[in-house]
Amino acid sequence: MKSLWTGDKTNCNESAYQEHQKDPLCNNHLSTSEGDAKENKITETSTDFISVDQQQGDEKNALQNPPDSEEVTNKKQGVETYLAPLLRQFRFGIEDMAPIVGTYQHERNENLDEYFKALGVPYIARKMMGLSSPRLEILNEGEKWTIRTVSMMRTLETTFVLGEEYEETMPSGETLKNVTTMDDDSLVTVSYRPDNSKIVRKYDFNDDSVILTMSYEKSDAVAKRYYKRL
């Protein structure tokens, strides 16, 4: 019987299907979805080859054409310019700043009685504080700082994080709201009493001593306590 297949690979009829189903020219035997999948697979594979070739070409081009030395130098100088102030600040903090942490022994006072009188401290308490010779201890652990004043009468201790508000209870029972910051070689504590009046205590450190300066905004009296590093 004569085959009804015409030989045209794009025109394969049903009766010729059985005889010519294996013929590679008869692409219509594949379903539309199968044909699309095959075409997509070929396209993806080709794209992969192109991507690999392009990547290899870029790497080869980078090796054959390295960045201009002047361009590299300019980028390096830009980074150094950006980091310079940070490095100076780091060196200042480590090398130039006076040591703060340590133990100090009280040596003498200046205008202490007038200062405490302005704060409303009773006479006997003022005299006792004037005669005391406390030991001052400055500690630092991570972000936390501790200032401890040790005397024969009592030990006062405050622990804080720089720049954060904290409370301090005075021997009189009065509670202060404080913020302590660092200013060069100094620790500065700004305190507010319950009536919102301000007290400032500044610890100025050098290599072998510290001077505590105390002022109260309602008085001209400024007191100082001098300590020697042990």
N, C-alpha and C. Protein backbone atom coordinates (compact mmCIF):
# COMPACT_ATOMS: atom_id res chain seq x y z
N MET A 1 0.85 -1.18 0.00
CA MET A 1 0.00 0.00 0.00
C MET A 1 0.88 1.23 0.00
N LYS A 2 0.51 2.18 -0.76
CA LYS A 2 1.31 3.39 -0.91
C LYS A 2 1.18 4.25 0.33
N SER A 3 2.31 4.68 0.81
CA SER A 3 2.32 5.53 2.00
C SER A 3 1.73 6.88 1.68
N LEU A 4 0.97 7.38 2.64
CA LEU A 4 0.39 8.71 2.49
C LEU A 4 1.31 9.81 2.97
N TRP A 5 2.48 9.42 3.46
CA TRP A 5 3.44 10.46 3.95
C TRP A 5 4.06 11.16 2.76
N THR A 6 4.06 12.41 2.73
CA THR A 6 4.48 13.19 1.58
C THR A 6 5.97 13.46 1.57
N GLY A 7 6.64 13.17 2.68
CA GLY A 7 8.07 13.48 2.75
C GLY A 7 8.34 14.85 3.31
N ASP A 8 7.28 15.62 3.47
CA ASP A 8 7.45 16.97 4.05
C ASP A 8 7.48 16.86 5.57
N LYS A 9 8.59 17.29 6.22
CA LYS A 9 8.75 17.10 7.66
C LYS A 9 7.76 17.94 8.45
N THR A 10 7.12 18.88 7.78
CA THR A 10 6.15 19.71 8.49
C THR A 10 4.73 19.28 8.20
N ASN A 11 4.58 18.18 7.44
CA ASN A 11 3.23 17.75 7.07
C ASN A 11 3.14 16.24 7.15
N CYS A 12 2.96 15.72 8.30
CA CYS A 12 2.88 14.28 8.52
C CYS A 12 1.46 13.95 8.94
N ASN A 13 0.69 13.18 8.10
CA ASN A 13 -0.70 12.91 8.44
C ASN A 13 -0.81 11.68 9.34
N GLU A 14 -2.02 11.41 9.81
CA GLU A 14 -2.25 10.38 10.83
C GLU A 14 -1.93 8.99 10.32
N SER A 15 -2.30 8.68 9.06
CA SER A 15 -2.12 7.33 8.54
C SER A 15 -0.65 6.98 8.35
N ALA A 16 0.16 8.01 8.14
CA ALA A 16 1.59 7.76 7.96
C ALA A 16 2.35 7.76 9.27
N TYR A 17 1.61 8.06 10.37
CA TYR A 17 2.29 8.21 11.67
C TYR A 17 2.98 6.93 12.09
N GLN A 18 2.26 5.75 11.99
CA GLN A 18 2.82 4.51 12.47
C GLN A 18 4.08 4.13 11.72
N GLU A 19 4.08 4.36 10.39
CA GLU A 19 5.20 3.95 9.58
C GLU A 19 6.40 4.85 9.74
N HIS A 20 6.09 6.10 9.98
CA HIS A 20 7.19 7.07 9.99
C HIS A 20 7.39 7.76 11.35
N GLN A 21 6.82 7.14 12.41
CA GLN A 21 6.91 7.80 13.72
C GLN A 21 8.34 7.95 14.21
N LYS A 22 9.23 7.08 13.72
CA LYS A 22 10.62 7.18 14.15
C LYS A 22 11.46 8.05 13.24
N ASP A 23 10.83 8.52 12.19
CA ASP A 23 11.58 9.35 11.25
C ASP A 23 11.99 10.66 11.93
N PRO A 24 13.26 10.96 11.99
CA PRO A 24 13.71 12.20 12.66
C PRO A 24 13.23 13.46 11.97
N LEU A 25 12.79 13.35 10.74
CA LEU A 25 12.31 14.53 10.04
C LEU A 25 10.90 14.92 10.46
N CYS A 26 10.18 13.99 11.08
CA CYS A 26 8.79 14.26 11.44
C CYS A 26 8.74 14.88 12.83
N ASN A 27 9.05 16.15 12.96
CA ASN A 27 9.09 16.84 14.25
C ASN A 27 7.71 17.11 14.81
N ASN A 28 6.67 16.95 13.99
CA ASN A 28 5.32 17.20 14.48
C ASN A 28 4.85 16.12 15.42
N HIS A 29 5.64 15.00 15.53
CA HIS A 29 5.26 13.95 16.48
C HIS A 29 5.38 14.46 17.90
N LEU A 30 6.22 15.49 18.15
CA LEU A 30 6.39 16.06 19.49
C LEU A 30 5.22 16.99 19.77
N SER A 31 4.73 16.93 21.02
CA SER A 31 3.66 17.84 21.40
C SER A 31 4.22 19.26 21.49
N THR A 32 3.31 20.20 21.49
CA THR A 32 3.73 21.60 21.57
C THR A 32 4.53 21.87 22.82
N SER A 33 4.06 21.32 23.97
CA SER A 33 4.77 21.55 25.24
C SER A 33 6.14 20.91 25.23
N GLU A 34 6.22 19.69 24.63
CA GLU A 34 7.52 19.03 24.58
C GLU A 34 8.48 19.81 23.69
N GLY A 35 7.97 20.32 22.59
CA GLY A 35 8.81 21.10 21.69
C GLY A 35 9.30 22.37 22.33
N ASP A 36 8.40 23.02 23.06
CA ASP A 36 8.79 24.26 23.75
C ASP A 36 9.84 23.98 24.80
N ALA A 37 9.65 22.87 25.55
CA ALA A 37 10.62 22.54 26.59
C ALA A 37 11.98 22.27 26.00
N LYS A 38 12.00 21.55 24.87
CA LYS A 38 13.27 21.23 24.22
C LYS A 38 13.96 22.50 23.74
N GLU A 39 13.14 23.42 23.17
CA GLU A 39 13.71 24.67 22.67
C GLU A 39 14.25 25.52 23.82
N ASN A 40 13.48 25.55 24.94
CA ASN A 40 13.92 26.34 26.09
C ASN A 40 15.20 25.79 26.68
N LYS A 41 15.30 24.44 26.74
CA LYS A 41 16.49 23.83 27.28
C LYS A 41 17.72 24.19 26.46
N ILE A 42 17.56 24.16 25.14
CA ILE A 42 18.67 24.51 24.26
C ILE A 42 19.06 25.97 24.47
N THR A 43 18.03 26.83 24.60
CA THR A 43 18.30 28.26 24.80
C THR A 43 19.03 28.51 26.10
N GLU A 44 18.55 27.83 27.21
CA GLU A 44 19.19 28.01 28.51
C GLU A 44 20.64 27.55 28.48
N THR A 45 20.86 26.39 27.82
CA THR A 45 22.22 25.87 27.74
C THR A 45 23.12 26.84 26.99
N SER A 46 22.59 27.41 25.91
CA SER A 46 23.37 28.37 25.14
C SER A 46 23.69 29.60 25.98
N THR A 47 22.68 30.03 26.76
CA THR A 47 22.88 31.21 27.61
C THR A 47 23.94 30.95 28.66
N ASP A 48 23.90 29.71 29.24
CA ASP A 48 24.92 29.35 30.23
C ASP A 48 26.31 29.42 29.63
N PHE A 49 26.44 28.89 28.41
CA PHE A 49 27.75 28.93 27.76
C PHE A 49 28.19 30.37 27.54
N ILE A 50 27.24 31.24 27.15
CA ILE A 50 27.57 32.64 26.91
C ILE A 50 28.01 33.31 28.20
N SER A 51 27.28 33.00 29.33
CA SER A 51 27.62 33.62 30.62
C SER A 51 29.00 33.22 31.07
N VAL A 52 29.32 31.93 30.95
CA VAL A 52 30.64 31.45 31.35
C VAL A 52 31.72 32.09 30.50
N ASP A 53 31.47 32.14 29.17
CA ASP A 53 32.45 32.75 28.27
C ASP A 53 32.65 34.23 28.61
N GLN A 54 31.53 34.91 28.91
CA GLN A 54 31.64 36.34 29.23
C GLN A 54 32.42 36.55 30.52
N GLN A 55 32.15 35.70 31.54
CA GLN A 55 32.87 35.82 32.81
C GLN A 55 34.35 35.57 32.62
N GLN A 56 34.68 34.50 31.86
CA GLN A 56 36.08 34.20 31.61
C GLN A 56 36.75 35.34 30.83
N GLY A 57 35.97 35.94 29.91
CA GLY A 57 36.52 37.05 29.15
C GLY A 57 36.79 38.26 30.03
N ASP A 58 35.87 38.52 30.99
CA ASP A 58 36.07 39.65 31.91
C ASP A 58 37.29 39.44 32.78
N GLU A 59 37.46 38.19 33.28
CA GLU A 59 38.62 37.89 34.12
C GLU A 59 39.91 38.05 33.33
N LYS A 60 39.89 37.56 32.09
CA LYS A 60 41.08 37.66 31.25
C LYS A 60 41.40 39.12 30.97
N ASN A 61 40.34 39.90 30.70
CA ASN A 61 40.55 41.33 30.43
C ASN A 61 41.11 42.05 31.65
N ALA A 62 40.65 41.65 32.86
CA ALA A 62 41.15 42.28 34.09
C ALA A 62 42.62 41.98 34.30
N LEU A 63 43.04 40.76 33.94
CA LEU A 63 44.45 40.39 34.09
C LEU A 63 45.32 41.11 33.06
N GLN A 64 44.79 41.24 31.84
CA GLN A 64 45.57 41.87 30.79
C GLN A 64 45.59 43.39 30.91
N ASN A 65 44.52 43.96 31.55
CA ASN A 65 44.43 45.41 31.69
C ASN A 65 44.22 45.78 33.16
N PRO A 66 45.25 45.70 33.98
CA PRO A 66 45.12 46.03 35.40
C PRO A 66 44.78 47.50 35.58
N PRO A 67 44.16 47.88 36.76
CA PRO A 67 43.81 49.29 36.99
C PRO A 67 45.03 50.18 36.91
N ASP A 68 44.80 51.35 36.42
CA ASP A 68 45.87 52.34 36.33
C ASP A 68 46.43 52.63 37.72
N SER A 69 47.76 52.68 37.82
CA SER A 69 48.40 52.89 39.12
C SER A 69 47.97 54.20 39.75
N GLU A 70 47.74 55.21 38.94
CA GLU A 70 47.30 56.51 39.47
C GLU A 70 45.90 56.40 40.08
N GLU A 71 45.04 55.59 39.43
CA GLU A 71 43.69 55.39 39.94
C GLU A 71 43.73 54.69 41.29
N VAL A 72 44.57 53.66 41.41
CA VAL A 72 44.72 52.95 42.67
C VAL A 72 45.23 53.88 43.75
N THR A 73 46.21 54.70 43.41
CA THR A 73 46.78 55.66 44.38
C THR A 73 45.73 56.63 44.87
N ASN A 74 44.89 57.13 43.94
CA ASN A 74 43.85 58.09 44.31
C ASN A 74 42.84 57.46 45.26
N LYS A 75 42.46 56.20 45.00
CA LYS A 75 41.52 55.52 45.88
C LYS A 75 42.13 55.31 47.25
N LYS A 76 43.40 54.93 47.29
CA LYS A 76 44.08 54.72 48.56
C LYS A 76 44.15 56.01 49.36
N GLN A 77 44.46 57.12 48.68
CA GLN A 77 44.53 58.41 49.35
C GLN A 77 43.16 58.83 49.87
N GLY A 78 42.11 58.48 49.12
CA GLY A 78 40.75 58.81 49.57
C GLY A 78 40.39 58.08 50.86
N VAL A 79 40.75 56.80 50.94
CA VAL A 79 40.49 56.02 52.15
C VAL A 79 41.28 56.58 53.32
N GLU A 80 42.56 56.92 53.06
CA GLU A 80 43.39 57.46 54.13
C GLU A 80 42.85 58.80 54.63
N THR A 81 42.35 59.62 53.71
CA THR A 81 41.78 60.91 54.10
C THR A 81 40.55 60.71 54.98
N TYR A 82 39.73 59.70 54.64
CA TYR A 82 38.53 59.42 55.42
C TYR A 82 38.87 58.90 56.81
N LEU A 83 39.89 58.05 56.91
CA LEU A 83 40.24 57.43 58.18
C LEU A 83 41.09 58.30 59.08
N ALA A 84 41.74 59.32 58.51
CA ALA A 84 42.70 60.12 59.28
C ALA A 84 42.12 60.68 60.57
N PRO A 85 40.94 61.35 60.54
CA PRO A 85 40.43 61.90 61.80
C PRO A 85 40.08 60.83 62.81
N LEU A 86 39.60 59.67 62.33
CA LEU A 86 39.28 58.58 63.25
C LEU A 86 40.54 58.04 63.91
N LEU A 87 41.61 57.93 63.13
CA LEU A 87 42.87 57.44 63.69
C LEU A 87 43.45 58.43 64.68
N ARG A 88 43.32 59.74 64.37
CA ARG A 88 43.81 60.75 65.30
C ARG A 88 43.05 60.68 66.62
N GLN A 89 41.72 60.48 66.52
CA GLN A 89 40.92 60.40 67.73
C GLN A 89 41.32 59.17 68.54
N PHE A 90 41.56 58.05 67.85
CA PHE A 90 41.97 56.84 68.55
C PHE A 90 43.31 57.04 69.24
N ARG A 91 44.28 57.64 68.52
CA ARG A 91 45.59 57.88 69.12
C ARG A 91 45.50 58.84 70.30
N PHE A 92 44.62 59.84 70.16
CA PHE A 92 44.46 60.79 71.26
C PHE A 92 43.95 60.08 72.50
N GLY A 93 42.94 59.20 72.29
CA GLY A 93 42.37 58.51 73.44
C GLY A 93 43.34 57.57 74.10
N ILE A 94 44.22 56.93 73.33
CA ILE A 94 45.12 55.94 73.89
C ILE A 94 46.42 56.55 74.36
N GLU A 95 47.01 57.44 73.56
CA GLU A 95 48.35 57.93 73.86
C GLU A 95 48.36 59.24 74.65
N ASP A 96 47.49 60.18 74.26
CA ASP A 96 47.58 61.53 74.79
C ASP A 96 46.72 61.77 76.03
N MET A 97 45.66 61.00 76.22
CA MET A 97 44.77 61.25 77.33
C MET A 97 45.41 60.83 78.64
N ALA A 98 45.26 61.67 79.67
CA ALA A 98 45.82 61.35 80.98
C ALA A 98 45.12 60.12 81.54
N PRO A 99 45.83 59.28 82.30
CA PRO A 99 45.20 58.11 82.89
C PRO A 99 44.13 58.52 83.89
N ILE A 100 43.00 57.86 83.86
CA ILE A 100 41.88 58.19 84.74
C ILE A 100 41.68 57.13 85.81
N VAL A 101 41.62 55.88 85.36
CA VAL A 101 41.38 54.79 86.31
C VAL A 101 42.52 54.71 87.32
N GLY A 102 42.16 54.57 88.58
CA GLY A 102 43.19 54.45 89.61
C GLY A 102 42.67 54.85 90.98
N THR A 103 43.58 54.92 91.95
CA THR A 103 43.26 55.30 93.32
C THR A 103 44.01 56.57 93.69
N TYR A 104 43.32 57.48 94.33
CA TYR A 104 43.88 58.80 94.66
C TYR A 104 43.63 59.10 96.15
N GLN A 105 44.60 59.73 96.77
CA GLN A 105 44.47 60.11 98.18
C GLN A 105 44.29 61.62 98.30
N HIS A 106 43.28 62.01 99.10
CA HIS A 106 43.00 63.43 99.31
C HIS A 106 44.17 64.13 99.98
N GLU A 107 44.48 65.36 99.53
CA GLU A 107 45.57 66.14 100.12
C GLU A 107 45.08 67.43 100.77
N ARG A 108 44.24 68.19 100.07
CA ARG A 108 43.79 69.46 100.65
C ARG A 108 42.50 69.94 99.98
N ASN A 109 41.85 70.91 100.62
CA ASN A 109 40.61 71.50 100.11
C ASN A 109 40.80 72.97 99.82
N GLU A 110 39.86 73.51 99.06
CA GLU A 110 39.85 74.95 98.77
C GLU A 110 38.40 75.42 98.74
N ASN A 111 38.03 76.28 99.68
CA ASN A 111 36.70 76.90 99.74
C ASN A 111 35.58 75.87 99.92
N LEU A 112 35.87 74.76 100.58
CA LEU A 112 34.90 73.68 100.71
C LEU A 112 33.73 74.07 101.62
N ASP A 113 34.03 74.74 102.74
CA ASP A 113 32.97 75.07 103.69
C ASP A 113 31.93 76.00 103.07
N GLU A 114 32.36 77.00 102.33
CA GLU A 114 31.42 77.94 101.70
C GLU A 114 30.53 77.23 100.68
N TYR A 115 31.10 76.29 99.97
CA TYR A 115 30.34 75.55 98.96
C TYR A 115 29.25 74.72 99.62
N PHE A 116 29.60 73.94 100.64
CA PHE A 116 28.60 73.10 101.31
C PHE A 116 27.56 73.94 102.05
N LYS A 117 27.97 75.10 102.54
CA LYS A 117 27.02 76.01 103.19
C LYS A 117 25.97 76.47 102.19
N ALA A 118 26.39 76.76 100.96
CA ALA A 118 25.44 77.18 99.92
C ALA A 118 24.46 76.06 99.58
N LEU A 119 24.91 74.82 99.73
CA LEU A 119 24.03 73.68 99.46
C LEU A 119 23.07 73.40 100.61
N GLY A 120 23.29 74.07 101.75
CA GLY A 120 22.41 73.86 102.90
C GLY A 120 22.86 72.76 103.83
N VAL A 121 24.13 72.35 103.74
CA VAL A 121 24.65 71.31 104.62
C VAL A 121 24.83 71.90 106.03
N PRO A 122 24.37 71.21 107.09
CA PRO A 122 24.49 71.71 108.46
C PRO A 122 25.95 71.95 108.87
N TYR A 123 26.13 72.80 109.86
CA TYR A 123 27.46 73.23 110.29
C TYR A 123 28.35 72.05 110.69
N ILE A 124 27.87 71.18 111.58
CA ILE A 124 28.69 70.08 112.08
C ILE A 124 29.09 69.15 110.93
N ALA A 125 28.16 68.86 110.04
CA ALA A 125 28.46 67.99 108.90
C ALA A 125 29.50 68.64 107.99
N ARG A 126 29.42 69.96 107.83
CA ARG A 126 30.40 70.67 107.00
C ARG A 126 31.80 70.55 107.60
N LYS A 127 31.90 70.72 108.91
CA LYS A 127 33.19 70.65 109.58
C LYS A 127 33.78 69.24 109.49
N MET A 128 32.95 68.24 109.64
CA MET A 128 33.42 66.86 109.56
C MET A 128 33.94 66.55 108.15
N MET A 129 33.23 67.01 107.14
CA MET A 129 33.69 66.78 105.76
C MET A 129 34.96 67.55 105.47
N GLY A 130 35.09 68.74 106.08
CA GLY A 130 36.30 69.52 105.87
C GLY A 130 37.52 68.87 106.50
N LEU A 131 37.32 68.14 107.61
CA LEU A 131 38.43 67.49 108.30
C LEU A 131 38.76 66.11 107.74
N SER A 132 37.84 65.54 106.96
CA SER A 132 38.07 64.19 106.44
C SER A 132 39.11 64.21 105.33
N SER A 133 39.77 63.07 105.16
CA SER A 133 40.76 62.93 104.09
C SER A 133 40.44 61.65 103.31
N PRO A 134 39.44 61.71 102.43
CA PRO A 134 38.94 60.51 101.76
C PRO A 134 39.88 59.98 100.68
N ARG A 135 39.68 58.73 100.36
CA ARG A 135 40.38 58.09 99.24
C ARG A 135 39.40 58.02 98.07
N LEU A 136 39.87 58.40 96.92
CA LEU A 136 39.03 58.42 95.72
C LEU A 136 39.45 57.27 94.80
N GLU A 137 38.48 56.47 94.39
CA GLU A 137 38.76 55.34 93.50
C GLU A 137 37.94 55.50 92.23
N ILE A 138 38.61 55.40 91.09
CA ILE A 138 37.96 55.47 89.78
C ILE A 138 38.13 54.13 89.10
N LEU A 139 37.02 53.49 88.76
CA LEU A 139 37.06 52.18 88.10
C LEU A 139 36.31 52.23 86.78
N ASN A 140 36.72 51.38 85.86
CA ASN A 140 36.07 51.30 84.56
C ASN A 140 36.04 49.85 84.10
N GLU A 141 34.84 49.39 83.74
CA GLU A 141 34.68 48.03 83.22
C GLU A 141 33.70 48.09 82.05
N GLY A 142 34.23 47.97 80.84
CA GLY A 142 33.39 48.10 79.66
C GLY A 142 32.83 49.51 79.57
N GLU A 143 31.51 49.62 79.46
CA GLU A 143 30.87 50.93 79.38
C GLU A 143 30.63 51.54 80.77
N LYS A 144 30.76 50.74 81.80
CA LYS A 144 30.42 51.20 83.15
C LYS A 144 31.61 51.84 83.85
N TRP A 145 31.33 52.97 84.48
CA TRP A 145 32.31 53.67 85.30
C TRP A 145 31.81 53.71 86.73
N THR A 146 32.75 53.69 87.67
CA THR A 146 32.41 53.78 89.09
C THR A 146 33.32 54.80 89.76
N ILE A 147 32.72 55.72 90.51
CA ILE A 147 33.46 56.67 91.34
C ILE A 147 33.13 56.34 92.79
N ARG A 148 34.15 56.02 93.55
CA ARG A 148 33.97 55.61 94.94
C ARG A 148 34.78 56.53 95.85
N THR A 149 34.13 57.11 96.84
CA THR A 149 34.80 57.96 97.82
C THR A 149 34.75 57.27 99.17
N VAL A 150 35.92 56.93 99.69
CA VAL A 150 36.01 56.15 100.93
C VAL A 150 36.60 57.03 102.03
N SER A 151 35.87 57.15 103.14
CA SER A 151 36.36 57.91 104.30
C SER A 151 36.05 57.11 105.57
N MET A 152 36.51 57.63 106.73
CA MET A 152 36.25 56.97 108.00
C MET A 152 34.76 56.99 108.34
N MET A 153 34.04 57.98 107.86
CA MET A 153 32.62 58.11 108.18
C MET A 153 31.75 57.20 107.32
N ARG A 154 32.04 57.14 106.01
CA ARG A 154 31.18 56.38 105.10
C ARG A 154 31.89 56.17 103.77
N THR A 155 31.27 55.32 102.95
CA THR A 155 31.73 55.11 101.57
C THR A 155 30.60 55.48 100.63
N LEU A 156 30.88 56.39 99.72
CA LEU A 156 29.90 56.79 98.71
C LEU A 156 30.33 56.23 97.36
N GLU A 157 29.39 55.65 96.66
CA GLU A 157 29.73 55.02 95.37
C GLU A 157 28.63 55.29 94.35
N THR A 158 29.04 55.66 93.15
CA THR A 158 28.11 55.84 92.03
C THR A 158 28.65 55.08 90.82
N THR A 159 27.75 54.39 90.13
CA THR A 159 28.11 53.66 88.92
C THR A 159 27.24 54.18 87.78
N PHE A 160 27.84 54.39 86.62
CA PHE A 160 27.12 55.03 85.53
C PHE A 160 27.72 54.66 84.19
N VAL A 161 26.97 54.98 83.14
CA VAL A 161 27.43 54.88 81.75
C VAL A 161 27.49 56.30 81.22
N LEU A 162 28.58 56.63 80.57
CA LEU A 162 28.76 57.99 80.05
C LEU A 162 27.58 58.41 79.16
N GLY A 163 27.05 59.59 79.44
CA GLY A 163 25.98 60.13 78.61
C GLY A 163 24.59 59.67 78.99
N GLU A 164 24.47 58.75 79.95
CA GLU A 164 23.16 58.25 80.35
C GLU A 164 22.79 58.75 81.75
N GLU A 165 21.52 59.06 81.94
CA GLU A 165 21.07 59.59 83.23
C GLU A 165 21.06 58.50 84.30
N TYR A 166 21.43 58.87 85.50
CA TYR A 166 21.39 57.95 86.65
C TYR A 166 21.13 58.76 87.91
N GLU A 167 20.76 58.08 88.98
CA GLU A 167 20.45 58.75 90.24
C GLU A 167 21.56 58.53 91.26
N GLU A 168 21.74 59.53 92.11
CA GLU A 168 22.74 59.46 93.17
C GLU A 168 22.10 59.94 94.47
N THR A 169 22.21 59.15 95.51
CA THR A 169 21.67 59.53 96.82
C THR A 169 22.77 60.11 97.68
N MET A 170 22.57 61.32 98.14
CA MET A 170 23.55 62.03 98.96
C MET A 170 23.43 61.60 100.42
N PRO A 171 24.46 61.88 101.25
CA PRO A 171 24.39 61.53 102.68
C PRO A 171 23.17 62.13 103.38
N SER A 172 22.70 63.27 102.90
CA SER A 172 21.52 63.92 103.51
C SER A 172 20.22 63.21 103.15
N GLY A 173 20.29 62.25 102.22
CA GLY A 173 19.09 61.57 101.75
C GLY A 173 18.53 62.17 100.48
N GLU A 174 19.08 63.29 100.06
CA GLU A 174 18.63 63.94 98.83
C GLU A 174 19.06 63.13 97.61
N THR A 175 18.16 63.01 96.64
CA THR A 175 18.45 62.26 95.41
C THR A 175 18.71 63.23 94.26
N LEU A 176 19.85 63.04 93.61
CA LEU A 176 20.22 63.86 92.46
C LEU A 176 20.01 63.07 91.17
N LYS A 177 19.65 63.78 90.12
CA LYS A 177 19.59 63.17 88.78
C LYS A 177 20.83 63.65 88.02
N ASN A 178 21.67 62.69 87.64
CA ASN A 178 22.99 63.01 87.09
C ASN A 178 23.16 62.55 85.66
N VAL A 179 24.07 63.23 84.96
CA VAL A 179 24.60 62.76 83.68
C VAL A 179 26.09 63.07 83.70
N THR A 180 26.92 62.04 83.45
CA THR A 180 28.37 62.22 83.43
C THR A 180 28.88 62.04 82.01
N THR A 181 29.74 62.95 81.58
CA THR A 181 30.35 62.87 80.26
C THR A 181 31.86 63.02 80.39
N MET A 182 32.57 62.70 79.30
CA MET A 182 34.02 62.85 79.28
C MET A 182 34.38 64.00 78.35
N ASP A 183 35.22 64.90 78.85
CA ASP A 183 35.66 66.06 78.08
C ASP A 183 37.18 66.13 78.15
N ASP A 184 37.84 65.64 77.08
CA ASP A 184 39.30 65.55 77.06
C ASP A 184 39.79 64.75 78.27
N ASP A 185 40.55 65.39 79.16
CA ASP A 185 41.09 64.69 80.33
C ASP A 185 40.21 64.85 81.56
N SER A 186 38.93 65.07 81.36
CA SER A 186 38.05 65.35 82.49
C SER A 186 36.78 64.50 82.44
N LEU A 187 36.28 64.17 83.63
CA LEU A 187 34.95 63.62 83.79
C LEU A 187 34.09 64.73 84.37
N VAL A 188 32.95 65.00 83.72
CA VAL A 188 32.08 66.10 84.16
C VAL A 188 30.71 65.53 84.51
N THR A 189 30.29 65.74 85.76
CA THR A 189 28.98 65.29 86.21
C THR A 189 28.09 66.50 86.45
N VAL A 190 26.99 66.55 85.70
CA VAL A 190 25.98 67.60 85.88
C VAL A 190 24.82 66.99 86.64
N SER A 191 24.49 67.59 87.79
CA SER A 191 23.46 67.05 88.67
C SER A 191 22.33 68.05 88.86
N TYR A 192 21.11 67.53 88.99
CA TYR A 192 19.95 68.38 89.28
C TYR A 192 19.31 67.93 90.59
N ARG A 193 19.14 68.88 91.49
CA ARG A 193 18.51 68.63 92.78
C ARG A 193 16.99 68.55 92.60
N PRO A 194 16.26 68.15 93.64
CA PRO A 194 14.80 68.08 93.52
C PRO A 194 14.14 69.40 93.12
N ASP A 195 14.77 70.54 93.49
CA ASP A 195 14.21 71.85 93.09
C ASP A 195 14.69 72.28 91.71
N ASN A 196 15.37 71.37 91.00
CA ASN A 196 15.85 71.58 89.63
C ASN A 196 17.05 72.52 89.55
N SER A 197 17.66 72.86 90.67
CA SER A 197 18.90 73.65 90.63
C SER A 197 20.06 72.74 90.26
N LYS A 198 21.08 73.33 89.65
CA LYS A 198 22.16 72.54 89.03
C LYS A 198 23.46 72.59 89.82
N ILE A 199 24.08 71.41 89.94
CA ILE A 199 25.41 71.26 90.53
C ILE A 199 26.32 70.68 89.46
N VAL A 200 27.54 71.18 89.37
CA VAL A 200 28.51 70.65 88.41
C VAL A 200 29.76 70.22 89.17
N ARG A 201 30.18 68.95 88.93
CA ARG A 201 31.42 68.43 89.51
C ARG A 201 32.32 67.99 88.37
N LYS A 202 33.51 68.55 88.35
CA LYS A 202 34.45 68.27 87.26
C LYS A 202 35.74 67.68 87.83
N TYR A 203 36.10 66.49 87.33
CA TYR A 203 37.33 65.81 87.73
C TYR A 203 38.37 66.04 86.63
N ASP A 204 39.38 66.83 86.92
CA ASP A 204 40.46 67.09 85.95
C ASP A 204 41.66 66.21 86.28
N PHE A 205 41.99 65.31 85.35
CA PHE A 205 43.06 64.34 85.59
C PHE A 205 44.34 64.75 84.88
N ASN A 206 45.46 64.46 85.53
CA ASN A 206 46.76 64.51 84.86
C ASN A 206 47.51 63.24 85.24
N ASP A 207 48.79 63.18 84.96
CA ASP A 207 49.52 61.93 85.14
C ASP A 207 49.56 61.44 86.58
N ASP A 208 49.61 62.35 87.56
CA ASP A 208 49.80 61.90 88.94
C ASP A 208 48.81 62.49 89.93
N SER A 209 47.75 63.15 89.45
CA SER A 209 46.79 63.73 90.38
C SER A 209 45.45 64.00 89.71
N VAL A 210 44.48 64.39 90.52
CA VAL A 210 43.17 64.80 90.02
C VAL A 210 42.67 65.95 90.89
N ILE A 211 42.05 66.92 90.25
CA ILE A 211 41.45 68.05 90.97
C ILE A 211 39.94 68.00 90.75
N LEU A 212 39.19 67.92 91.84
CA LEU A 212 37.73 67.92 91.78
C LEU A 212 37.23 69.34 92.03
N THR A 213 36.59 69.92 91.03
CA THR A 213 36.03 71.27 91.14
C THR A 213 34.52 71.17 91.22
N MET A 214 33.92 71.82 92.25
CA MET A 214 32.48 71.74 92.48
C MET A 214 31.86 73.13 92.49
N SER A 215 30.77 73.28 91.75
CA SER A 215 30.08 74.58 91.69
C SER A 215 28.57 74.36 91.77
N TYR A 216 27.90 75.41 92.26
CA TYR A 216 26.44 75.37 92.43
C TYR A 216 25.88 76.65 91.83
N GLU A 217 24.88 76.49 90.96
CA GLU A 217 24.41 77.65 90.21
C GLU A 217 23.78 78.74 91.07
N LYS A 218 23.37 78.43 92.30
CA LYS A 218 22.76 79.43 93.17
C LYS A 218 23.79 80.15 94.04
N SER A 219 25.07 79.86 93.83
CA SER A 219 26.11 80.48 94.64
C SER A 219 27.34 80.75 93.80
N ASP A 220 28.10 81.75 94.21
CA ASP A 220 29.38 82.04 93.56
C ASP A 220 30.51 81.20 94.14
N ALA A 221 30.24 80.48 95.20
CA ALA A 221 31.28 79.67 95.85
C ALA A 221 31.66 78.48 94.97
N VAL A 222 32.94 78.37 94.70
CA VAL A 222 33.48 77.24 93.92
C VAL A 222 34.51 76.54 94.79
N ALA A 223 34.30 75.25 95.03
CA ALA A 223 35.19 74.49 95.90
C ALA A 223 36.08 73.56 95.08
N LYS A 224 37.25 73.26 95.63
CA LYS A 224 38.17 72.32 94.98
C LYS A 224 38.72 71.34 96.02
N ARG A 225 38.87 70.09 95.57
CA ARG A 225 39.51 69.08 96.40
C ARG A 225 40.66 68.50 95.57
N TYR A 226 41.84 68.44 96.16
CA TYR A 226 43.05 67.99 95.47
C TYR A 226 43.41 66.58 95.93
N TYR A 227 43.66 65.70 94.95
CA TYR A 227 44.01 64.31 95.24
C TYR A 227 45.32 63.95 94.54
N LYS A 228 46.08 63.09 95.19
CA LYS A 228 47.34 62.58 94.63
C LYS A 228 47.17 61.11 94.25
N ARG A 229 47.65 60.76 93.06
CA ARG A 229 47.56 59.36 92.62
C ARG A 229 48.46 58.48 93.48
N LEU A 230 47.93 57.33 93.89
CA LEU A 230 48.71 56.38 94.68
C LEU A 230 49.42 55.38 93.77
